[in-house]
Amino acid sequence: MALQQRLVAAGCEVTPVVDHHILRSIYFHDVNGIALEASWWTTDGRGLEFRPEDPEMFADPDPVPAVAELASDGLSFTPTTRLQ
């Protein structure tokens, strides 16, 4: 995973990838000691490939804004970071 490699190259302690079956995660701490998780979907919870355009995946009638954006037309903005 590219983020994991970038964090290690920047001197961060990073866990191996943890497989939660429907998503995978890595865990690390920021420079202030705050624990962080980076995760990504691998399946949709039914064992099918994750597809954000699937209406059944986002069945919540009042989803949080990020989920609504992802379900409608994908993310309009993805922040970039520069690890130092």
Protein backbone atom coordinates (compact mmCIF):
# COMPACT_ATOMS: atom_id res chain seq x y z
CA MET A 1 0.00 0.00 0.00
CA ALA A 2 1.44 3.34 -1.08
CA LEU A 3 0.38 5.29 2.03
CA GLN A 4 1.92 2.69 4.31
CA GLN A 5 5.21 2.90 2.40
CA ARG A 6 5.18 6.72 2.51
CA LEU A 7 4.56 6.72 6.26
CA VAL A 8 7.39 4.26 6.88
CA ALA A 9 9.71 6.33 4.66
CA ALA A 10 8.79 9.39 6.76
CA GLY A 11 9.79 7.57 9.94
CA CYS A 12 6.33 6.67 11.25
CA GLU A 13 5.61 3.41 12.97
CA VAL A 14 2.84 1.76 10.96
CA THR A 15 1.05 -1.51 11.60
CA PRO A 16 0.91 -4.22 8.99
CA VAL A 17 -2.31 -4.20 6.96
CA VAL A 18 -5.16 -5.53 9.12
CA ASP A 19 -7.79 -7.46 7.14
CA HIS A 20 -11.26 -6.87 8.61
CA HIS A 21 -12.81 -8.88 5.76
CA ILE A 22 -14.98 -6.04 4.41
CA LEU A 23 -12.20 -3.49 4.67
CA ARG A 24 -8.48 -3.29 5.29
CA SER A 25 -6.73 -0.84 7.59
CA ILE A 26 -3.38 0.41 8.75
CA TYR A 27 -2.85 2.21 12.05
CA PHE A 28 -0.29 4.86 12.94
CA HIS A 29 0.21 8.02 15.05
CA ASP A 30 0.59 11.60 13.85
CA VAL A 31 3.34 13.90 15.12
CA ASN A 32 1.13 14.87 18.10
CA GLY A 33 0.67 11.24 19.15
CA ILE A 34 -2.92 11.03 17.92
CA ALA A 35 -3.81 7.52 16.77
CA LEU A 36 -5.04 7.38 13.18
CA GLU A 37 -6.50 4.74 10.90
CA ALA A 38 -6.43 4.65 7.11
CA SER A 39 -8.84 2.10 5.68
CA TRP A 40 -10.35 1.06 2.38
CA TRP A 41 -13.30 -1.13 1.41
CA THR A 42 -12.63 -4.53 -0.12
CA THR A 43 -16.19 -5.89 -0.24
CA ASP A 44 -19.63 -4.43 0.37
CA GLY A 45 -20.51 -6.52 3.43
CA ARG A 46 -22.36 -9.08 1.32
CA GLY A 47 -19.09 -10.47 0.02
CA LEU A 48 -19.41 -8.64 -3.29
CA GLU A 49 -16.80 -6.29 -4.70
CA PHE A 50 -17.18 -2.79 -3.25
CA ARG A 51 -19.00 -0.52 -5.71
CA PRO A 52 -19.95 2.91 -4.32
CA GLU A 53 -22.49 3.40 -7.13
CA ASP A 54 -24.55 0.42 -5.83
CA PRO A 55 -27.75 1.92 -4.32
CA GLU A 56 -28.05 -0.95 -1.84
CA MET A 57 -24.63 -0.13 -0.42
CA PHE A 58 -25.80 3.29 0.72
CA ALA A 59 -29.37 2.53 1.79
CA ASP A 60 -29.36 5.09 4.64
CA PRO A 61 -32.10 7.64 3.83
CA ASP A 62 -30.05 10.39 5.48
CA PRO A 63 -26.36 9.57 4.95
CA VAL A 64 -23.52 11.75 6.15
CA PRO A 65 -22.34 14.22 3.45
CA ALA A 66 -19.22 12.26 2.49
CA VAL A 67 -21.25 9.10 1.87
CA ALA A 68 -23.86 11.02 -0.12
CA GLU A 69 -21.13 12.55 -2.27
CA LEU A 70 -19.43 9.21 -2.85
CA ALA A 71 -22.73 7.55 -3.75
CA SER A 72 -23.83 10.31 -6.13
CA ASP A 73 -20.86 10.97 -8.37
CA GLY A 74 -17.68 10.09 -6.52
CA LEU A 75 -15.51 12.35 -4.45
CA SER A 76 -15.17 15.85 -5.85
CA PHE A 77 -11.99 16.53 -3.89
CA THR A 78 -9.31 14.29 -2.48
CA PRO A 79 -6.76 16.09 -0.32
CA THR A 80 -3.11 15.52 -1.01
CA THR A 81 -0.52 15.42 1.70
CA ARG A 82 3.18 15.86 1.78
CA LEU A 83 4.87 13.81 4.44
CA GLN A 84 7.99 15.40 5.83
